[in-house]
Amino acid sequence: MSGSILKTKSYDFALRVVKLYKYLCGQKKEFVLSKQVLRSTTAIGALVKEAEFAQSRADFISKLSIALKEANETEYWLSLLKDSDYITDEMHQSINPDIKALIGILVSSVKTAKSK
């Protein structure tokens, strides 16, 4: 069940950031930070998808741990976009809970996988 939630949330979040990326490139003419947040965000979902067919428990834990690192990086890029005025406080307040939720799910998933 939580795997399905994680897949859905990571995909939906990536789709949201793809739209943010299009906005940043089109409206703000910002290409560097937006590319970074796009890469780290889309990596989360890709790693979650890879973990689905992990070769072992260790491989599964590794994939989810890397996804967690990418989620943490995404949170950094979103804060930087806000603090450099590329996105508004309101935009950040709208998207930040989503990355926080993903981080929480990933932390919980990694801890659970390690305890088995």
Protein backbone atom coordinates (compact mmCIF):
# COMPACT_ATOMS: atom_id res chain seq x y z
CA MET A 1 0.00 0.00 0.00
CA SER A 2 2.67 2.56 1.00
CA GLY A 3 4.67 1.64 -2.12
CA SER A 4 1.69 2.62 -4.22
CA ILE A 5 1.30 5.86 -2.28
CA LEU A 6 5.00 6.59 -2.73
CA LYS A 7 4.85 5.89 -6.47
CA THR A 8 1.77 8.07 -6.90
CA LYS A 9 3.05 10.96 -4.79
CA SER A 10 6.50 10.96 -6.39
CA TYR A 11 4.99 10.88 -9.90
CA ASP A 12 2.46 13.63 -9.15
CA PHE A 13 5.15 15.77 -7.55
CA ALA A 14 7.46 15.30 -10.54
CA LEU A 15 4.65 16.34 -12.86
CA ARG A 16 4.06 19.44 -10.76
CA VAL A 17 7.75 20.37 -10.93
CA VAL A 18 7.80 19.80 -14.71
CA LYS A 19 5.10 22.48 -14.90
CA LEU A 20 7.11 24.71 -12.55
CA TYR A 21 10.16 24.18 -14.79
CA LYS A 22 8.17 25.28 -17.86
CA TYR A 23 7.00 28.37 -15.97
CA LEU A 24 10.51 29.26 -14.77
CA CYS A 25 12.02 28.87 -18.24
CA GLY A 26 9.17 30.58 -20.07
CA GLN A 27 8.18 33.38 -17.72
CA LYS A 28 11.25 34.02 -15.58
CA LYS A 29 13.93 33.03 -18.13
CA GLU A 30 15.64 31.04 -15.39
CA PHE A 31 17.43 27.95 -16.70
CA VAL A 32 20.08 26.85 -14.19
CA LEU A 33 18.25 26.41 -10.86
CA SER A 34 15.12 25.20 -12.61
CA LYS A 35 17.07 22.45 -14.37
CA GLN A 36 18.58 21.36 -11.06
CA VAL A 37 15.20 21.10 -9.33
CA LEU A 38 13.78 19.28 -12.36
CA ARG A 39 16.59 16.70 -12.32
CA SER A 40 16.47 16.01 -8.59
CA THR A 41 12.68 15.82 -8.55
CA THR A 42 12.32 13.46 -11.49
CA ALA A 43 15.07 11.27 -10.03
CA ILE A 44 12.90 10.63 -6.95
CA GLY A 45 10.15 8.93 -8.93
CA ALA A 46 12.60 7.11 -11.18
CA LEU A 47 14.40 5.64 -8.17
CA VAL A 48 11.13 4.65 -6.52
CA LYS A 49 10.16 2.90 -9.75
CA GLU A 50 13.56 1.17 -9.90
CA ALA A 51 13.14 -0.03 -6.31
CA GLU A 52 10.03 -1.91 -7.40
CA PHE A 53 12.23 -4.50 -9.10
CA ALA A 54 15.23 -4.35 -6.81
CA GLN A 55 17.50 -7.37 -6.96
CA SER A 56 17.71 -7.66 -3.18
CA ARG A 57 16.63 -5.99 0.05
CA ALA A 58 19.97 -4.14 0.07
CA ASP A 59 19.34 -2.91 -3.48
CA PHE A 60 15.80 -1.83 -2.49
CA ILE A 61 17.11 0.09 0.52
CA SER A 62 19.84 1.65 -1.61
CA LYS A 63 17.38 2.89 -4.25
CA LEU A 64 15.04 4.38 -1.67
CA SER A 65 17.96 5.94 0.21
CA ILE A 66 19.16 7.64 -2.95
CA ALA A 67 15.58 8.80 -3.63
CA LEU A 68 15.61 10.31 -0.14
CA LYS A 69 18.84 12.15 -0.91
CA GLU A 70 17.29 13.48 -4.12
CA ALA A 71 14.21 14.62 -2.20
CA ASN A 72 16.41 16.46 0.26
CA GLU A 73 18.24 18.09 -2.65
CA THR A 74 14.91 19.07 -4.20
CA GLU A 75 13.90 20.79 -0.97
CA TYR A 76 17.16 22.77 -1.14
CA TRP A 77 16.57 23.90 -4.74
CA LEU A 78 13.01 24.95 -3.97
CA SER A 79 14.22 27.05 -1.03
CA LEU A 80 16.89 28.61 -3.22
CA LEU A 81 14.32 29.45 -5.90
CA LYS A 82 12.18 31.14 -3.24
CA ASP A 83 15.03 33.02 -1.60
CA SER A 84 16.29 34.26 -4.98
CA ASP A 85 12.78 35.51 -5.83
CA TYR A 86 12.21 33.18 -8.80
CA ILE A 87 9.16 31.76 -7.04
CA THR A 88 6.97 33.63 -4.59
CA ASP A 89 6.52 32.76 -0.93
CA GLU A 90 3.00 31.62 -1.81
CA MET A 91 4.29 29.29 -4.53
CA HIS A 92 6.85 27.86 -2.12
CA GLN A 93 4.24 27.43 0.63
CA SER A 94 2.10 25.57 -1.87
CA ILE A 95 4.77 23.12 -3.05
CA ASN A 96 6.91 22.71 0.09
CA PRO A 97 4.44 20.48 1.98
CA ASP A 98 4.54 18.02 -0.92
CA ILE A 99 8.31 17.56 -0.78
CA LYS A 100 8.17 17.37 3.03
CA ALA A 101 5.55 14.61 2.74
CA LEU A 102 7.70 12.70 0.23
CA ILE A 103 10.71 12.98 2.52
CA GLY A 104 8.63 11.66 5.42
CA ILE A 105 7.36 8.68 3.42
CA LEU A 106 10.85 7.88 2.17
CA VAL A 107 12.36 8.07 5.68
CA SER A 108 9.65 5.77 6.98
CA SER A 109 10.04 3.35 4.06
CA VAL A 110 13.82 3.13 4.47
CA LYS A 111 13.51 2.60 8.24
CA THR A 112 10.90 -0.13 7.74
CA ALA A 113 12.97 -1.89 5.07
CA LYS A 114 16.05 -1.81 7.29
CA SER A 115 14.21 -3.24 10.29
CA LYS A 116 13.00 -6.36 8.46
